[in-house]
Amino acid sequence: MVTAARTARDSDGADDADGADRADRTKGEHGSDGEHSADGDGRAGAGGERAPGPPGAPGGDAVAGAPLPRPLLRAALALYLDLHAHPELSGHEHRTADLLAAWLTEHGCTVTRAVGGGHGLVGVLRNGPGPTVLLRTELDALPVTEATGLPYASTTPGVMHACGHDLHIAAAAGAVALLAADRDSWRGTVLVVGQPAEETLSGARSMLEDGRLYERFGTPDAALAQHAAPLPAGTVAHAPGGAPLMAGSIAADVTLYGRGGHAATPHLTVDPVLMAAATVLGLQSVVARETAPAEQAVLTVGSVRAGERGNITPDTAELSLTARAFTDSVLDRLLAAAARVVRAQAAASGAPREPELTVTARSPALLPGPALTAAVRRAHEASLGAGRVLDAAPATATEDFPHFGAGGVATSYWLLGTTGVRQWRAARAGGGPVPPNHAPGFAPDVRTALPAGVTAMAAAARQVLDPGPGGGGSVRRDPGPGGGEAGS
């Protein structure tokens, strides 16, 4: 993870002018010889080093066959820098949606706002009869205080693009611009979905159900998405055919009821803080002692809230937790066990009221369609070079993208590497770990990752669209098990 501000002055990649023009103007804040590039401090400019590519490939930021247009990459980088500096939380993505809508309109899309309520938007780029491909990107950021030291770091206190959604937006925007500028090479319709509230796992369902996405804009032949990951920048990674890429999850809020009073008279109270502490510890046994070792499962309590002062015992305590697994049956079992632990600890503490456990979000496992994924992988090998297309192991992170697979829509989803090569090598050699998604130090090497993301998304879209006079490729709905639905 690196700094887009400190891009490589001495690189010979095809997009030097694109990222470097703007990025080099800020490099003085981080030194001039790469000491803050991709060598372990979470910057975005890799100091001229790129992920290794195939013979003849011009650096880590160009297509294997032909370089991306410099003006396009320069504009996409400017969009990324703006988005990163101005992150917005789930449900508040108005400025982010404005920027994406303006970009899509500029490149010939018809844009509809407030799809599903909130700030969801859809851009439609029609280019004659043919298949429809959906390109999904998320809009929201996280309640994380940025600690990257980047010159374009978040200007919003306590909010950060710590998951890479800014990179996803810029890559999707670049891919749309690339397709719009080369209409002779394809036929069909590109449906761009700017999805809010991915981090709360509520945005996709809202757009599909409340916004009637497919009823209003047509059911696509395929849905595509990519996600930033701490892999070498300039690479992409796919799940092997038929394997899951991400877990399903359940998010829940718990309220524990006690009886408040003075901290000096604990015998006159029922302490919900102690009840919450015992509950957190008890919940750890759900995976440790109630889940088979072969069942990859995670249960995490990520938030505990109780009281205001050390001398007052409060009336209530609140927990927020997530459970993750690769099958619905395991998720159901985790939820039932968590509810049992919560009730048992409340009873053991003599709680005056039954606790409340409310499921706030649920998303199925992400299982990309095997046929479409195979075709997209071939396209990525052709456009990025086979050496930059990796296998991805299943991760217990969670997405709500699987909902876009409703009704048999084929899906393909891949990981986009973000770690500068120097930082990657240092971590492999036993240095500090690479800051992962959701960490305050997460900072993609945008100089290398963004061109790869633009290329990967555009190449995947062409696999679904019909070829135009200039050539192309087409893949219809995934005939694999479940019609290619990603867990819907």
Protein backbone atom coordinates (compact mmCIF):
# COMPACT_ATOMS: atom_id res chain seq x y z
CA MET A 1 0.00 0.00 0.00
CA VAL A 2 1.60 3.22 -1.03
CA THR A 3 1.18 6.85 -1.97
CA ALA A 4 -0.30 8.10 -5.19
CA ALA A 5 1.30 11.38 -4.38
CA ARG A 6 4.81 9.99 -4.59
CA THR A 7 4.69 8.34 -7.99
CA ALA A 8 7.77 7.21 -9.79
CA ARG A 9 9.60 9.97 -11.58
CA ASP A 10 11.96 7.52 -13.19
CA SER A 11 9.44 4.94 -14.37
CA ASP A 12 9.18 3.98 -18.00
CA GLY A 13 5.57 2.78 -17.88
CA ALA A 14 3.07 3.96 -20.44
CA ASP A 15 1.10 6.08 -18.00
CA ASP A 16 3.95 8.15 -16.53
CA ALA A 17 2.28 11.40 -17.45
CA ASP A 18 -1.07 10.28 -16.12
CA GLY A 19 -0.26 9.53 -12.52
CA ALA A 20 3.11 11.19 -12.36
CA ASP A 21 2.13 14.69 -13.47
CA ARG A 22 -0.13 15.30 -10.52
CA ALA A 23 1.55 12.94 -8.13
CA ASP A 24 5.04 14.32 -8.55
CA ARG A 25 3.81 17.80 -7.63
CA THR A 26 3.30 16.52 -4.09
CA LYS A 27 6.31 14.26 -3.79
CA GLY A 28 8.33 16.87 -1.95
CA GLU A 29 6.26 16.25 1.15
CA HIS A 30 7.58 12.70 1.33
CA GLY A 31 11.11 13.03 0.01
CA SER A 32 12.50 12.62 -3.48
CA ASP A 33 14.13 9.22 -3.64
CA GLY A 34 11.43 6.76 -2.73
CA GLU A 35 12.02 6.54 0.99
CA HIS A 36 8.27 6.83 1.51
CA SER A 37 7.20 4.77 -1.45
CA ALA A 38 6.44 1.07 -1.41
CA ASP A 39 8.82 0.06 1.31
CA GLY A 40 6.54 -0.50 4.23
CA ASP A 41 5.09 2.85 5.25
CA GLY A 42 1.78 2.58 3.42
CA ARG A 43 2.39 5.16 0.68
CA ALA A 44 1.14 5.32 -2.84
CA GLY A 45 3.91 5.76 -5.24
CA ALA A 46 6.19 2.75 -5.31
CA GLY A 47 9.24 4.85 -6.16
CA GLY A 48 9.37 3.46 -9.67
CA GLU A 49 9.14 -0.18 -8.62
CA ARG A 50 6.29 -2.23 -10.00
CA ALA A 51 4.94 -5.68 -9.50
CA PRO A 52 6.75 -8.09 -11.80
CA GLY A 53 5.07 -8.44 -15.16
CA PRO A 54 5.40 -10.54 -18.27
CA PRO A 55 8.21 -10.01 -20.74
CA GLY A 56 7.54 -6.99 -22.88
CA ALA A 57 4.89 -5.54 -20.60
CA PRO A 58 5.64 -1.82 -20.09
CA GLY A 59 5.78 -1.67 -16.31
CA GLY A 60 3.11 -2.52 -13.77
CA ASP A 61 0.59 -0.01 -14.99
CA ALA A 62 0.01 -0.73 -18.65
CA VAL A 63 -2.01 -3.24 -20.56
CA ALA A 64 0.00 -6.15 -21.88
CA GLY A 65 -1.10 -5.33 -25.41
CA ALA A 66 -1.39 -1.55 -25.45
CA PRO A 67 -0.98 1.29 -22.95
CA LEU A 68 -4.01 3.04 -21.54
CA PRO A 69 -4.58 6.62 -22.74
CA ARG A 70 -2.66 9.07 -20.60
CA PRO A 71 -5.43 11.70 -20.40
CA LEU A 72 -7.84 9.02 -19.18
CA LEU A 73 -5.50 7.85 -16.44
CA ARG A 74 -4.68 11.40 -15.42
CA ALA A 75 -8.38 12.16 -14.99
CA ALA A 76 -9.04 8.89 -13.16
CA LEU A 77 -6.16 9.61 -10.78
CA ALA A 78 -7.52 13.09 -10.10
CA LEU A 79 -10.89 11.53 -9.30
CA TYR A 80 -9.24 9.06 -6.93
CA LEU A 81 -7.30 11.74 -5.08
CA ASP A 82 -10.46 13.81 -4.66
CA LEU A 83 -12.47 10.86 -3.42
CA HIS A 84 -9.78 9.78 -0.98
CA ALA A 85 -9.53 13.26 0.52
CA HIS A 86 -13.32 13.56 0.93
CA PRO A 87 -14.69 10.22 2.21
CA GLU A 88 -18.33 9.85 3.25
CA LEU A 89 -19.93 7.31 5.56
CA SER A 90 -22.65 4.84 4.56
CA GLY A 91 -25.88 6.67 3.84
CA HIS A 92 -24.15 10.04 3.43
CA GLU A 93 -22.41 9.60 0.08
CA HIS A 94 -23.93 12.67 -1.62
CA ARG A 95 -20.67 14.29 -2.78
CA THR A 96 -19.23 10.96 -3.90
CA ALA A 97 -22.37 10.23 -5.91
CA ASP A 98 -22.20 13.72 -7.44
CA LEU A 99 -18.64 13.13 -8.65
CA LEU A 100 -19.42 9.73 -10.15
CA ALA A 101 -22.62 10.99 -11.78
CA ALA A 102 -20.77 13.90 -13.36
CA TRP A 103 -18.09 11.56 -14.73
CA LEU A 104 -20.64 9.13 -16.17
CA THR A 105 -22.64 11.94 -17.76
CA GLU A 106 -19.50 13.37 -19.33
CA HIS A 107 -18.80 10.01 -20.96
CA GLY A 108 -22.23 9.55 -22.50
CA CYS A 109 -24.18 7.72 -19.79
CA THR A 110 -27.75 8.49 -18.88
CA VAL A 111 -27.69 8.80 -15.08
CA THR A 112 -30.51 8.15 -12.63
CA ARG A 113 -30.10 9.19 -9.00
CA ALA A 114 -31.66 8.05 -5.71
CA VAL A 115 -32.17 4.47 -6.88
CA GLY A 116 -33.44 2.61 -3.85
CA GLY A 117 -33.40 5.75 -1.76
CA GLY A 118 -30.25 7.29 -0.42
CA HIS A 119 -27.47 8.02 -2.87
CA GLY A 120 -27.58 4.99 -5.16
CA LEU A 121 -27.14 5.82 -8.82
CA VAL A 122 -27.25 4.03 -12.15
CA GLY A 123 -25.51 5.09 -15.34
CA VAL A 124 -26.57 3.53 -18.66
CA LEU A 125 -24.29 3.53 -21.71
CA ARG A 126 -26.10 2.06 -24.70
CA ASN A 127 -24.28 1.06 -27.86
CA GLY A 128 -26.71 -0.85 -30.03
CA PRO A 129 -28.33 -4.24 -29.49
CA GLY A 130 -26.47 -6.83 -27.47
CA PRO A 131 -25.88 -8.10 -23.95
CA THR A 132 -26.03 -5.95 -20.82
CA VAL A 133 -23.13 -5.95 -18.38
CA LEU A 134 -23.40 -4.46 -14.89
CA LEU A 135 -20.33 -2.84 -13.35
CA ARG A 136 -20.74 -2.35 -9.60
CA THR A 137 -18.74 0.06 -7.49
CA GLU A 138 -19.28 1.09 -3.88
CA LEU A 139 -19.49 4.69 -2.69
CA ASP A 140 -19.06 4.62 1.08
CA ALA A 141 -16.10 4.96 3.44
CA LEU A 142 -15.46 3.80 7.01
CA PRO A 143 -15.45 5.38 10.47
CA VAL A 144 -11.65 5.10 10.69
CA THR A 145 -9.18 7.87 11.48
CA GLU A 146 -6.56 7.89 8.72
CA ALA A 147 -2.93 7.46 9.75
CA THR A 148 -1.16 7.26 6.39
CA GLY A 149 0.46 10.70 6.39
CA LEU A 150 -0.48 11.12 2.74
CA PRO A 151 -0.69 14.64 1.33
CA TYR A 152 -4.15 13.75 0.03
CA ALA A 153 -5.30 12.07 3.25
CA SER A 154 -8.87 12.36 4.45
CA THR A 155 -10.01 15.83 5.36
CA THR A 156 -13.07 14.45 7.14
CA PRO A 157 -12.31 13.78 10.81
CA GLY A 158 -12.82 10.16 11.79
CA VAL A 159 -13.73 9.01 8.27
CA MET A 160 -11.44 7.27 5.79
CA HIS A 161 -11.54 5.29 2.56
CA ALA A 162 -9.89 2.42 4.40
CA CYS A 163 -11.43 -0.29 2.22
CA GLY A 164 -10.47 0.95 -1.24
CA HIS A 165 -13.89 2.04 -2.48
CA ASP A 166 -12.30 5.22 -3.85
CA LEU A 167 -10.02 3.02 -5.96
CA HIS A 168 -13.00 0.95 -7.12
CA ILE A 169 -14.88 4.08 -8.22
CA ALA A 170 -11.91 5.50 -10.11
CA ALA A 171 -11.24 2.16 -11.83
CA ALA A 172 -14.87 1.70 -12.87
CA ALA A 173 -15.00 5.29 -14.07
CA GLY A 174 -11.86 4.77 -16.13
CA ALA A 175 -13.25 1.57 -17.62
CA VAL A 176 -16.45 3.37 -18.67
CA ALA A 177 -14.40 6.13 -20.27
CA LEU A 178 -12.32 3.54 -22.11
CA LEU A 179 -15.41 1.76 -23.42
CA ALA A 180 -17.14 5.01 -24.36
CA ALA A 181 -14.12 6.09 -26.39
CA ASP A 182 -13.98 2.80 -28.32
CA ARG A 183 -17.58 2.06 -29.26
CA ASP A 184 -16.58 0.36 -32.50
CA SER A 185 -15.15 -2.56 -30.56
CA TRP A 186 -18.33 -3.64 -28.76
CA ARG A 187 -22.10 -3.75 -28.87
CA GLY A 188 -24.59 -3.87 -26.01
CA THR A 189 -25.30 -1.92 -22.84
CA VAL A 190 -23.07 -1.02 -19.92
CA LEU A 191 -24.96 -0.57 -16.66
CA VAL A 192 -22.87 1.24 -14.03
CA VAL A 193 -24.16 0.88 -10.47
CA GLY A 194 -22.85 3.26 -7.82
CA GLN A 195 -23.90 1.46 -4.66
CA PRO A 196 -24.12 3.19 -1.28
CA ALA A 197 -23.92 1.53 2.12
CA GLU A 198 -21.84 -1.50 1.22
CA GLU A 199 -20.06 -1.35 4.56
CA THR A 200 -23.38 -1.87 6.34
CA LEU A 201 -24.34 -4.66 3.88
CA SER A 202 -27.59 -2.87 3.11
CA GLY A 203 -26.99 -0.96 -0.12
CA ALA A 204 -27.30 -3.77 -2.68
CA ARG A 205 -30.63 -5.01 -1.36
CA SER A 206 -31.93 -1.47 -1.15
CA MET A 207 -31.13 -0.82 -4.81
CA LEU A 208 -32.47 -4.18 -5.97
CA GLU A 209 -35.62 -4.30 -3.87
CA ASP A 210 -36.62 -0.76 -2.94
CA GLY A 211 -35.12 0.72 -6.09
CA ARG A 212 -36.38 -2.13 -8.34
CA LEU A 213 -33.03 -1.99 -10.12
CA TYR A 214 -33.59 -4.84 -12.55
CA GLU A 215 -37.22 -3.98 -13.19
CA ARG A 216 -36.34 -0.41 -14.14
CA PHE A 217 -33.06 -0.89 -15.99
CA GLY A 218 -33.26 -4.49 -17.19
CA THR A 219 -31.75 -7.67 -15.83
CA PRO A 220 -28.12 -7.81 -16.91
CA ASP A 221 -26.50 -10.80 -18.53
CA ALA A 222 -23.63 -10.52 -16.07
CA ALA A 223 -22.56 -8.48 -13.04
CA LEU A 224 -18.91 -7.61 -12.41
CA ALA A 225 -17.01 -6.14 -9.46
CA GLN A 226 -13.50 -6.00 -8.06
CA HIS A 227 -12.08 -5.27 -4.63
CA ALA A 228 -8.81 -3.86 -3.36
CA ALA A 229 -6.71 -6.38 -1.45
CA PRO A 230 -3.21 -6.47 0.10
CA LEU A 231 -1.71 -8.35 -2.86
CA PRO A 232 1.06 -7.07 -5.14
CA ALA A 233 -0.06 -3.95 -6.98
CA GLY A 234 -0.60 -4.57 -10.68
CA THR A 235 -2.03 -8.05 -10.08
CA VAL A 236 -5.55 -9.44 -9.88
CA ALA A 237 -6.65 -12.65 -8.19
CA HIS A 238 -9.57 -14.99 -8.90
CA ALA A 239 -11.11 -17.79 -6.90
CA PRO A 240 -10.54 -21.17 -8.56
CA GLY A 241 -13.60 -22.34 -10.50
CA GLY A 242 -16.55 -23.09 -8.25
CA ALA A 243 -14.79 -22.01 -5.03
CA PRO A 244 -16.08 -19.21 -2.79
CA LEU A 245 -14.12 -15.99 -2.67
CA MET A 246 -15.69 -14.43 0.43
CA ALA A 247 -17.77 -15.61 3.35
CA GLY A 248 -21.36 -14.85 4.12
CA SER A 249 -22.07 -12.89 7.26
CA ILE A 250 -24.63 -11.86 9.81
CA ALA A 251 -24.37 -8.56 11.67
CA ALA A 252 -26.27 -8.17 14.92
CA ASP A 253 -26.74 -5.64 17.72
CA VAL A 254 -27.25 -6.77 21.32
CA THR A 255 -28.73 -4.76 24.18
CA LEU A 256 -28.13 -6.03 27.71
CA TYR A 257 -30.31 -4.67 30.51
CA GLY A 258 -29.08 -4.11 34.04
CA ARG A 259 -30.03 -1.88 36.96
CA GLY A 260 -28.00 1.26 37.37
CA GLY A 261 -26.79 2.91 40.52
CA HIS A 262 -23.77 4.21 42.42
CA ALA A 263 -20.43 2.57 41.75
CA ALA A 264 -19.87 2.43 45.53
CA THR A 265 -22.89 0.15 46.05
CA PRO A 266 -22.49 -2.63 43.46
CA HIS A 267 -24.72 -4.95 45.53
CA LEU A 268 -27.66 -2.67 44.78
CA THR A 269 -27.14 -2.80 41.04
CA VAL A 270 -27.14 -5.31 38.21
CA ASP A 271 -24.00 -4.30 36.34
CA PRO A 272 -24.47 -4.48 32.54
CA VAL A 273 -20.79 -3.68 31.99
CA LEU A 274 -19.73 -6.86 33.76
CA MET A 275 -22.54 -8.68 31.94
CA ALA A 276 -21.20 -7.37 28.61
CA ALA A 277 -17.64 -8.42 29.45
CA ALA A 278 -18.77 -11.94 30.33
CA THR A 279 -20.87 -12.06 27.16
CA VAL A 280 -17.93 -11.07 24.95
CA LEU A 281 -15.79 -13.81 26.47
CA GLY A 282 -18.61 -16.34 26.26
CA LEU A 283 -19.17 -15.59 22.59
CA GLN A 284 -15.61 -16.66 21.80
CA SER A 285 -16.57 -20.24 22.67
CA VAL A 286 -19.09 -20.32 19.83
CA VAL A 287 -16.31 -20.79 17.27
CA ALA A 288 -13.72 -22.33 19.56
CA ARG A 289 -15.94 -25.11 20.92
CA GLU A 290 -19.12 -25.27 18.83
CA THR A 291 -17.74 -25.15 15.29
CA ALA A 292 -15.89 -27.95 13.52
CA PRO A 293 -12.28 -27.01 12.73
CA ALA A 294 -12.94 -27.58 9.02
CA GLU A 295 -15.76 -25.05 9.07
CA GLN A 296 -14.08 -21.73 8.51
CA ALA A 297 -16.01 -19.43 10.82
CA VAL A 298 -15.37 -16.17 12.64
CA LEU A 299 -17.36 -14.39 15.33
CA THR A 300 -16.16 -10.93 16.31
CA VAL A 301 -17.54 -8.38 18.74
CA GLY A 302 -16.42 -5.12 17.18
CA SER A 303 -18.16 -2.62 19.44
CA VAL A 304 -18.98 -2.39 23.14
CA ARG A 305 -20.80 0.66 24.49
CA ALA A 306 -21.82 1.25 28.12
CA GLY A 307 -21.96 4.08 30.60
CA GLU A 308 -20.61 7.62 30.76
CA ARG A 309 -18.70 7.91 34.06
CA GLY A 310 -16.55 5.64 36.17
CA ASN A 311 -18.62 6.28 39.30
CA ILE A 312 -22.00 5.40 37.76
CA THR A 313 -23.22 1.90 36.96
CA PRO A 314 -25.35 2.26 33.80
CA ASP A 315 -28.68 0.63 33.04
CA THR A 316 -27.69 -0.89 29.72
CA ALA A 317 -24.76 -2.10 27.63
CA GLU A 318 -24.69 -2.58 23.88
CA LEU A 319 -22.64 -4.92 21.71
CA SER A 320 -22.28 -5.15 17.94
CA LEU A 321 -21.05 -8.41 16.45
CA THR A 322 -20.54 -10.16 13.15
CA ALA A 323 -20.54 -13.87 12.39
CA ARG A 324 -18.93 -15.15 9.18
CA ALA A 325 -19.00 -18.52 7.46
CA PHE A 326 -19.18 -20.03 3.99
CA THR A 327 -22.60 -21.69 4.23
CA ASP A 328 -25.99 -20.48 5.40
CA SER A 329 -26.38 -23.47 7.69
CA VAL A 330 -23.21 -22.58 9.62
CA LEU A 331 -24.28 -18.94 9.80
CA ASP A 332 -27.65 -19.98 11.23
CA ARG A 333 -25.91 -22.15 13.81
CA LEU A 334 -23.54 -19.34 14.81
CA LEU A 335 -26.45 -16.95 15.26
CA ALA A 336 -28.44 -19.42 17.35
CA ALA A 337 -25.41 -20.13 19.55
CA ALA A 338 -24.69 -16.41 19.99
CA ALA A 339 -28.29 -15.78 21.04
CA ARG A 340 -28.06 -18.61 23.55
CA VAL A 341 -24.84 -17.21 25.06
CA VAL A 342 -26.34 -13.73 25.31
CA ARG A 343 -29.45 -15.00 27.09
CA ALA A 344 -27.44 -17.25 29.42
CA GLN A 345 -25.13 -14.47 30.54
CA ALA A 346 -28.08 -12.17 31.18
CA ALA A 347 -29.79 -14.86 33.25
CA ALA A 348 -26.60 -15.60 35.17
CA SER A 349 -26.26 -11.90 36.02
CA GLY A 350 -29.83 -11.61 37.24
CA ALA A 351 -30.82 -9.15 34.51
CA PRO A 352 -34.20 -7.52 35.14
CA ARG A 353 -35.13 -7.91 31.46
CA GLU A 354 -34.43 -10.32 28.66
CA PRO A 355 -31.65 -9.09 26.36
CA GLU A 356 -32.42 -8.06 22.81
CA LEU A 357 -30.54 -9.41 19.79
CA THR A 358 -31.40 -7.76 16.48
CA VAL A 359 -29.99 -8.88 13.12
CA THR A 360 -29.10 -5.71 11.24
CA ALA A 361 -27.69 -7.19 8.03
CA ARG A 362 -27.10 -10.49 6.34
CA SER A 363 -25.26 -11.38 3.17
CA PRO A 364 -24.61 -14.77 1.54
CA ALA A 365 -21.21 -16.15 0.63
CA LEU A 366 -19.64 -14.73 -2.51
CA LEU A 367 -19.41 -17.53 -5.07
CA PRO A 368 -18.47 -16.16 -8.50
CA GLY A 369 -19.99 -17.99 -11.47
CA PRO A 370 -17.40 -20.49 -12.73
CA ALA A 371 -17.96 -20.11 -16.49
CA LEU A 372 -17.94 -16.32 -16.50
CA THR A 373 -15.02 -16.22 -14.09
CA ALA A 374 -13.00 -18.51 -16.36
CA ALA A 375 -13.69 -16.22 -19.32
CA VAL A 376 -12.83 -13.10 -17.36
CA ARG A 377 -9.64 -14.70 -16.08
CA ARG A 378 -8.57 -15.41 -19.66
CA ALA A 379 -9.27 -11.79 -20.55
CA HIS A 380 -7.17 -10.61 -17.62
CA GLU A 381 -4.30 -12.87 -18.62
CA ALA A 382 -4.44 -11.42 -22.14
CA SER A 383 -4.64 -7.79 -21.02
CA LEU A 384 -2.43 -7.78 -17.92
CA GLY A 385 -0.16 -10.74 -18.58
CA ALA A 386 -0.55 -14.26 -17.21
CA GLY A 387 2.05 -13.61 -14.50
CA ARG A 388 -0.18 -10.98 -12.94
CA VAL A 389 -3.28 -13.15 -12.63
CA LEU A 390 -3.21 -15.07 -9.35
CA ASP A 391 -5.33 -17.61 -7.47
CA ALA A 392 -7.22 -16.29 -4.45
CA ALA A 393 -7.90 -18.33 -1.34
CA PRO A 394 -11.31 -17.94 0.32
CA ALA A 395 -11.42 -14.97 2.69
CA THR A 396 -13.74 -14.42 5.63
CA ALA A 397 -14.37 -10.84 4.59
CA THR A 398 -17.93 -10.21 3.44
CA GLU A 399 -19.61 -8.38 0.55
CA ASP A 400 -23.22 -7.71 -0.39
CA PHE A 401 -22.38 -8.05 -4.10
CA PRO A 402 -23.86 -11.60 -4.20
CA HIS A 403 -27.33 -10.06 -4.20
CA PHE A 404 -26.70 -8.82 -7.75
CA GLY A 405 -26.70 -12.49 -8.82
CA ALA A 406 -30.47 -12.68 -8.24
CA GLY A 407 -32.48 -14.43 -10.94
CA GLY A 408 -29.61 -16.33 -12.50
CA VAL A 409 -27.37 -13.36 -13.35
CA ALA A 410 -23.82 -14.60 -13.92
CA THR A 411 -21.28 -12.95 -11.64
CA SER A 412 -17.54 -12.44 -11.69
CA TYR A 413 -15.63 -10.85 -8.84
CA TRP A 414 -11.89 -10.59 -8.40
CA LEU A 415 -9.33 -9.03 -6.08
CA LEU A 416 -7.18 -6.09 -7.16
CA GLY A 417 -3.68 -5.91 -5.69
CA THR A 418 -2.71 -2.68 -3.95
CA THR A 419 0.68 -3.27 -2.29
CA GLY A 420 3.80 -1.68 -3.75
CA VAL A 421 6.53 -4.15 -4.62
CA ARG A 422 9.11 -2.82 -2.18
CA GLN A 423 6.66 -2.99 0.70
CA TRP A 424 5.55 -6.44 -0.42
CA ARG A 425 9.11 -7.73 -0.50
CA ALA A 426 9.87 -6.18 2.89
CA ALA A 427 6.85 -7.89 4.45
CA ARG A 428 7.80 -11.21 2.87
CA ALA A 429 11.31 -10.83 4.26
CA GLY A 430 10.00 -10.54 7.80
CA GLY A 431 9.43 -6.80 8.03
CA GLY A 432 6.29 -5.11 9.25
CA PRO A 433 2.99 -6.51 7.97
CA VAL A 434 1.20 -4.83 5.10
CA PRO A 435 -1.66 -2.67 6.46
CA PRO A 436 -4.85 -4.50 5.47
CA ASN A 437 -8.22 -3.12 4.47
CA HIS A 438 -9.98 -1.30 7.32
CA ALA A 439 -6.64 -0.37 8.94
CA PRO A 440 -5.74 3.32 9.54
CA GLY A 441 -2.57 2.83 7.47
CA PHE A 442 -4.26 1.27 4.42
CA ALA A 443 -2.99 3.16 1.35
CA PRO A 444 -3.07 1.55 -2.10
CA ASP A 445 -0.18 2.00 -4.49
CA VAL A 446 -2.55 3.79 -6.79
CA ARG A 447 0.19 4.52 -9.32
CA THR A 448 0.20 0.82 -10.20
CA ALA A 449 -3.16 -0.43 -8.92
CA LEU A 450 -5.40 2.08 -10.68
CA PRO A 451 -4.28 1.32 -14.27
CA ALA A 452 -4.58 -2.39 -13.52
CA GLY A 453 -8.08 -1.84 -12.13
CA VAL A 454 -9.20 0.13 -15.18
CA THR A 455 -7.79 -2.51 -17.51
CA ALA A 456 -9.25 -5.42 -15.55
CA MET A 457 -12.76 -3.97 -15.44
CA ALA A 458 -12.81 -2.96 -19.10
CA ALA A 459 -11.43 -6.33 -20.24
CA ALA A 460 -14.02 -8.18 -18.16
CA ALA A 461 -16.86 -6.07 -19.57
CA ARG A 462 -15.78 -6.87 -23.11
CA GLN A 463 -16.14 -10.57 -22.35
CA VAL A 464 -19.86 -10.05 -21.81
CA LEU A 465 -20.56 -7.51 -24.53
CA ASP A 466 -20.92 -8.50 -28.17
CA PRO A 467 -17.98 -7.70 -30.46
CA GLY A 468 -18.31 -4.67 -32.70
CA PRO A 469 -16.61 -4.11 -36.03
CA GLY A 470 -13.33 -3.79 -34.12
CA GLY A 471 -13.64 -7.16 -32.34
CA GLY A 472 -14.42 -8.25 -28.77
CA GLY A 473 -15.85 -11.21 -26.91
CA SER A 474 -19.14 -12.34 -25.47
CA VAL A 475 -20.19 -14.63 -22.64
CA ARG A 476 -23.79 -15.36 -21.79
CA ARG A 477 -25.33 -16.37 -18.47
CA ASP A 478 -23.33 -18.82 -16.45
CA PRO A 479 -24.68 -22.37 -16.92
CA GLY A 480 -22.99 -23.63 -13.75
CA PRO A 481 -24.74 -24.78 -10.59
CA GLY A 482 -27.32 -22.31 -9.43
CA GLY A 483 -27.24 -20.43 -12.72
CA GLY A 484 -24.25 -18.44 -11.59
CA GLU A 485 -26.02 -16.77 -8.68
CA ALA A 486 -23.52 -15.68 -6.11
CA GLY A 487 -25.38 -17.03 -3.13
CA SER A 488 -28.68 -15.33 -3.79
